[in-house]
N, C-alpha and C. Protein backbone atom coordinates (compact mmCIF):
# COMPACT_ATOMS: atom_id res chain seq x y z
N MET A 1 -0.99 35.41 39.74
CA MET A 1 -1.06 34.00 39.66
C MET A 1 0.11 33.49 38.74
N LEU A 2 0.64 32.37 39.03
CA LEU A 2 1.62 31.78 38.42
C LEU A 2 1.29 31.10 37.06
N GLU A 3 2.29 31.03 36.13
CA GLU A 3 1.86 30.49 34.81
C GLU A 3 1.44 29.03 34.94
N PRO A 4 0.37 28.51 34.14
CA PRO A 4 0.13 27.13 34.25
C PRO A 4 1.07 26.13 34.12
N GLU A 5 1.94 26.11 33.40
CA GLU A 5 3.21 25.37 33.21
C GLU A 5 3.77 25.25 34.34
N LEU A 6 4.20 26.45 35.08
CA LEU A 6 4.85 26.16 36.38
C LEU A 6 3.98 25.40 37.56
N LEU A 7 2.54 25.53 37.39
CA LEU A 7 1.68 25.06 38.45
C LEU A 7 1.68 23.38 38.02
N TYR A 8 1.75 22.92 36.81
CA TYR A 8 2.01 21.55 36.60
C TYR A 8 3.21 21.01 37.38
N PHE A 9 4.18 21.79 37.15
CA PHE A 9 5.53 21.30 37.74
C PHE A 9 5.48 21.26 39.21
N LEU A 10 4.88 22.29 39.83
CA LEU A 10 4.80 22.35 41.28
C LEU A 10 3.72 21.37 41.89
N ALA A 11 2.87 20.88 40.91
CA ALA A 11 1.82 19.85 41.46
C ALA A 11 2.58 18.53 41.68
N GLU A 12 3.84 18.33 41.07
CA GLU A 12 4.30 17.00 41.14
C GLU A 12 5.72 17.22 42.00
N ASP A 13 5.89 18.27 42.69
CA ASP A 13 7.02 18.70 43.46
C ASP A 13 7.36 17.44 44.53
N ASP A 14 8.52 17.22 44.93
CA ASP A 14 8.94 16.26 45.89
C ASP A 14 8.41 16.64 47.23
N ALA A 15 8.21 17.95 47.56
CA ALA A 15 7.66 18.32 48.76
C ALA A 15 6.28 18.37 48.95
N PRO A 16 5.69 17.60 50.03
CA PRO A 16 4.23 17.57 50.04
C PRO A 16 3.73 19.13 50.45
N GLU A 17 4.55 19.82 51.06
CA GLU A 17 4.05 21.14 51.40
C GLU A 17 3.78 21.93 50.31
N ILE A 18 4.68 21.70 49.25
CA ILE A 18 4.35 22.49 48.05
C ILE A 18 3.12 22.03 47.39
N ARG A 19 3.05 20.77 47.12
CA ARG A 19 1.78 20.22 46.47
C ARG A 19 0.66 20.69 47.18
N GLN A 20 0.61 20.79 48.40
CA GLN A 20 -0.63 21.19 49.34
C GLN A 20 -0.78 22.59 49.08
N GLU A 21 0.10 23.61 48.83
CA GLU A 21 -0.17 25.01 48.58
C GLU A 21 -0.75 25.10 47.13
N VAL A 22 -0.33 24.21 46.03
CA VAL A 22 -0.82 24.25 44.89
C VAL A 22 -2.28 23.82 45.02
N ALA A 23 -2.64 22.79 45.79
CA ALA A 23 -4.04 22.42 45.95
C ALA A 23 -5.01 23.28 46.41
N LYS A 24 -4.39 24.07 47.38
CA LYS A 24 -5.15 25.27 47.93
C LYS A 24 -5.56 26.36 47.06
N ASN A 25 -4.91 26.52 45.95
CA ASN A 25 -5.01 27.53 44.92
C ASN A 25 -6.34 27.33 44.21
N GLU A 26 -7.27 28.16 44.26
CA GLU A 26 -8.68 27.91 43.49
C GLU A 26 -8.45 28.33 42.10
N GLY A 27 -7.41 28.98 41.48
CA GLY A 27 -7.16 29.31 40.16
C GLY A 27 -6.62 28.38 39.48
N VAL A 28 -6.19 27.28 39.86
CA VAL A 28 -5.47 26.30 38.96
C VAL A 28 -6.18 25.45 37.78
N PRO A 29 -5.67 25.30 36.95
CA PRO A 29 -6.30 24.52 35.81
C PRO A 29 -6.76 23.27 36.22
N LEU A 30 -7.98 22.84 35.71
CA LEU A 30 -8.43 21.39 36.14
C LEU A 30 -7.47 20.45 36.05
N GLN A 31 -6.54 20.46 35.03
CA GLN A 31 -5.50 19.37 34.83
C GLN A 31 -4.52 19.20 36.10
N VAL A 32 -4.28 20.29 36.71
CA VAL A 32 -3.50 20.40 37.86
C VAL A 32 -4.24 19.80 39.03
N ASP A 33 -5.53 20.09 39.02
CA ASP A 33 -6.39 19.39 40.20
C ASP A 33 -6.32 18.10 39.97
N GLN A 34 -6.36 17.45 38.83
CA GLN A 34 -6.37 16.04 38.55
C GLN A 34 -5.02 15.53 39.00
N ILE A 35 -4.01 16.16 38.80
CA ILE A 35 -2.64 15.59 39.23
C ILE A 35 -2.63 15.55 40.76
N ILE A 36 -3.03 16.53 41.41
CA ILE A 36 -3.22 16.47 42.86
C ILE A 36 -4.15 15.47 43.35
N ALA A 37 -5.17 15.27 42.65
CA ALA A 37 -6.23 14.24 43.14
C ALA A 37 -5.71 12.79 43.13
N GLN A 38 -4.56 12.60 42.34
CA GLN A 38 -3.82 11.25 42.21
C GLN A 38 -2.76 11.24 43.30
N ASN A 39 -2.46 12.23 44.06
CA ASN A 39 -1.44 12.14 44.97
C ASN A 39 -1.51 11.01 46.02
N ALA A 40 -0.48 10.37 46.42
CA ALA A 40 -0.66 9.33 47.36
C ALA A 40 -0.83 9.78 48.77
N ILE A 41 -0.54 11.04 48.96
CA ILE A 41 -0.60 11.63 50.34
C ILE A 41 -2.04 12.28 50.61
N ALA A 42 -2.90 11.70 51.57
CA ALA A 42 -4.25 12.03 51.80
C ALA A 42 -4.13 13.49 52.17
N GLU A 43 -3.27 14.07 52.95
CA GLU A 43 -3.34 15.56 53.42
C GLU A 43 -3.14 16.53 52.23
N VAL A 44 -2.40 16.16 51.20
CA VAL A 44 -2.39 16.79 50.00
C VAL A 44 -3.51 16.74 49.32
N ARG A 45 -4.31 15.61 49.16
CA ARG A 45 -5.36 15.49 48.28
C ARG A 45 -6.69 16.27 49.06
N SER A 46 -6.63 16.47 50.48
CA SER A 46 -7.58 16.88 51.06
C SER A 46 -7.69 18.64 50.94
N GLU A 47 -6.63 19.19 50.39
CA GLU A 47 -6.56 20.55 50.23
C GLU A 47 -7.25 20.87 48.94
N LEU A 48 -7.51 20.04 48.06
CA LEU A 48 -8.38 20.48 47.00
C LEU A 48 -9.68 21.22 47.14
N THR A 49 -9.63 22.40 46.55
CA THR A 49 -10.79 23.17 46.77
C THR A 49 -12.05 22.81 45.71
């Protein structure tokens, strides 16, 4: 698993595909899920587990 600090960074990446992969990861901290939940792209938000 990646370090939480890296996941925070990737959750705000410019590429939606990267943010989607972060959202699919069940082991991310709650704060990272909260970042993804605020994403403007519905496809990214829909990947939250």
